[in-house]
Amino acid sequence: MDVRIPPEFPAFVQYRLGQLSTRTGPPVKLDIVVNKAHASWSASALEETQKASVAMRFRIRAADGRLLGEGTGVGARESGSLDASGNEGAKVLRAACYDAFDQFFGDEANIQFLNSRR
């Protein structure tokens, strides 16, 4: 099933950008476009499984709109238990979103674009 990005995601992005930014360069804008967000649930006699996958496109722009860098990040998570709680699906999706962000910014070049003095 297709799903919406968790409402906590913008706060996570702000927090993580605060960790990654040197705040010495000019202001930049980060555009995030969700290409795919999918979640599923399955059950067997032994286990309930929650799965989520996301693919996001990231664009880092200078204050004047110039494109400094862009790319994608993907994340996928799975959790299984004997009796998954109602919140388990949201946790799995949230973790997949965080992983997509971290994958994109795991590339040193993207951190450099974020902190660019251009």
Protein backbone atom coordinates (compact mmCIF):
# COMPACT_ATOMS: atom_id res chain seq x y z
CA MET A 1 0.00 0.00 0.00
CA ASP A 2 1.24 3.50 -0.75
CA VAL A 3 1.58 5.70 2.30
CA ARG A 4 2.33 9.24 3.40
CA ILE A 5 5.66 10.29 4.85
CA PRO A 6 5.50 10.39 8.68
CA PRO A 7 4.76 13.82 10.16
CA GLU A 8 7.96 13.59 12.25
CA PHE A 9 10.15 13.53 9.13
CA PRO A 10 10.58 17.35 8.76
CA ALA A 11 11.76 17.61 12.38
CA PHE A 12 14.24 14.79 11.76
CA VAL A 13 15.52 16.58 8.64
CA GLN A 14 16.03 19.82 10.60
CA TYR A 15 17.82 17.97 13.38
CA ARG A 16 20.09 16.03 11.04
CA LEU A 17 20.89 19.10 8.92
CA GLY A 18 21.93 20.84 12.13
CA GLN A 19 24.40 18.02 12.71
CA LEU A 20 25.76 18.07 9.15
CA SER A 21 25.91 21.80 8.50
CA THR A 22 28.94 23.87 9.40
CA ARG A 23 26.77 27.01 9.15
CA THR A 24 29.71 28.90 7.67
CA GLY A 25 28.50 29.04 4.09
CA PRO A 26 25.62 30.94 2.56
CA PRO A 27 22.06 29.67 3.09
CA VAL A 28 20.94 26.75 0.97
CA LYS A 29 17.58 25.18 0.33
CA LEU A 30 16.94 21.45 0.43
CA ASP A 31 14.13 20.11 -1.74
CA ILE A 32 12.92 16.59 -1.00
CA VAL A 33 10.59 14.82 -3.41
CA VAL A 34 9.14 11.44 -2.48
CA ASN A 35 9.37 9.16 -5.50
CA LYS A 36 8.00 6.11 -3.70
CA ALA A 37 6.70 5.27 -0.24
CA HIS A 38 5.31 1.79 0.27
CA ALA A 39 4.35 -0.19 3.35
CA SER A 40 3.05 -3.70 3.77
CA TRP A 41 1.99 -6.12 6.46
CA SER A 42 1.91 -9.89 6.37
CA ALA A 43 1.23 -12.62 8.88
CA SER A 44 1.97 -16.29 9.22
CA ALA A 45 1.24 -18.73 12.00
CA LEU A 46 4.57 -17.76 13.60
CA GLU A 47 5.04 -14.07 12.93
CA GLU A 48 3.60 -10.72 11.84
CA THR A 49 5.87 -8.73 9.55
CA GLN A 50 5.82 -5.01 8.75
CA LYS A 51 7.83 -3.75 5.76
CA ALA A 52 8.42 -0.26 4.40
CA SER A 53 10.45 1.14 1.53
CA VAL A 54 10.98 4.69 0.32
CA ALA A 55 12.84 6.40 -2.48
CA MET A 56 13.44 10.15 -2.28
CA ARG A 57 15.04 12.71 -4.57
CA PHE A 58 17.11 15.41 -2.90
CA ARG A 59 18.13 18.74 -4.45
CA ILE A 60 20.45 21.19 -2.73
CA ARG A 61 20.00 24.71 -4.08
CA ALA A 62 21.79 27.98 -3.44
CA ALA A 63 19.69 30.88 -2.14
CA ASP A 64 19.51 32.24 -5.71
CA GLY A 65 18.03 28.93 -6.93
CA ARG A 66 21.15 27.48 -8.57
CA LEU A 67 21.34 23.72 -8.29
CA LEU A 68 24.39 22.74 -6.24
CA GLY A 69 23.81 19.01 -6.00
CA GLU A 70 21.15 16.37 -6.34
CA GLY A 71 20.61 12.66 -6.06
CA THR A 72 18.50 9.97 -4.53
CA GLY A 73 18.32 8.14 -1.27
CA VAL A 74 16.49 4.91 -0.60
CA GLY A 75 15.58 3.18 2.60
CA ALA A 76 13.94 -0.12 3.45
CA ARG A 77 13.12 -1.61 6.82
CA GLU A 78 11.40 -4.73 8.06
CA SER A 79 10.26 -5.79 11.49
CA GLY A 80 8.75 -9.03 12.60
CA SER A 81 7.33 -10.19 15.90
CA LEU A 82 4.80 -12.56 17.35
CA ASP A 83 2.28 -9.76 17.75
CA ALA A 84 3.12 -6.48 15.99
CA SER A 85 1.69 -3.41 17.69
CA GLY A 86 -0.40 -0.83 15.88
CA ASN A 87 2.56 1.56 15.97
CA GLU A 88 5.04 -0.91 14.49
CA GLY A 89 4.18 -0.02 10.88
CA ALA A 90 4.70 3.68 11.55
CA LYS A 91 8.06 2.97 13.22
CA VAL A 92 9.23 0.88 10.28
CA LEU A 93 8.21 3.55 7.75
CA ARG A 94 9.82 6.30 9.82
CA ALA A 95 13.09 4.33 9.98
CA ALA A 96 13.04 3.76 6.21
CA CYS A 97 12.59 7.52 5.62
CA TYR A 98 15.48 8.32 7.96
CA ASP A 99 17.64 5.77 6.15
CA ALA A 100 16.90 7.38 2.77
CA PHE A 101 17.99 10.78 4.10
CA ASP A 102 21.12 9.33 5.68
CA GLN A 103 22.00 7.44 2.52
CA PHE A 104 21.96 10.62 0.45
CA PHE A 105 23.99 12.57 2.99
CA GLY A 106 26.30 9.60 3.54
CA ASP A 107 28.01 10.81 0.37
CA GLU A 108 30.67 13.34 1.38
CA ALA A 109 30.09 15.32 -1.84
CA ASN A 110 26.51 16.05 -0.74
CA ILE A 111 27.69 17.32 2.62
CA GLN A 112 30.14 19.57 0.77
CA PHE A 113 27.30 20.94 -1.36
CA LEU A 114 25.35 21.59 1.83
CA ASN A 115 28.28 23.56 3.25
CA SER A 116 29.41 25.12 -0.01
CA ARG A 117 30.60 28.70 -0.14
CA ARG A 118 29.47 29.07 -3.77
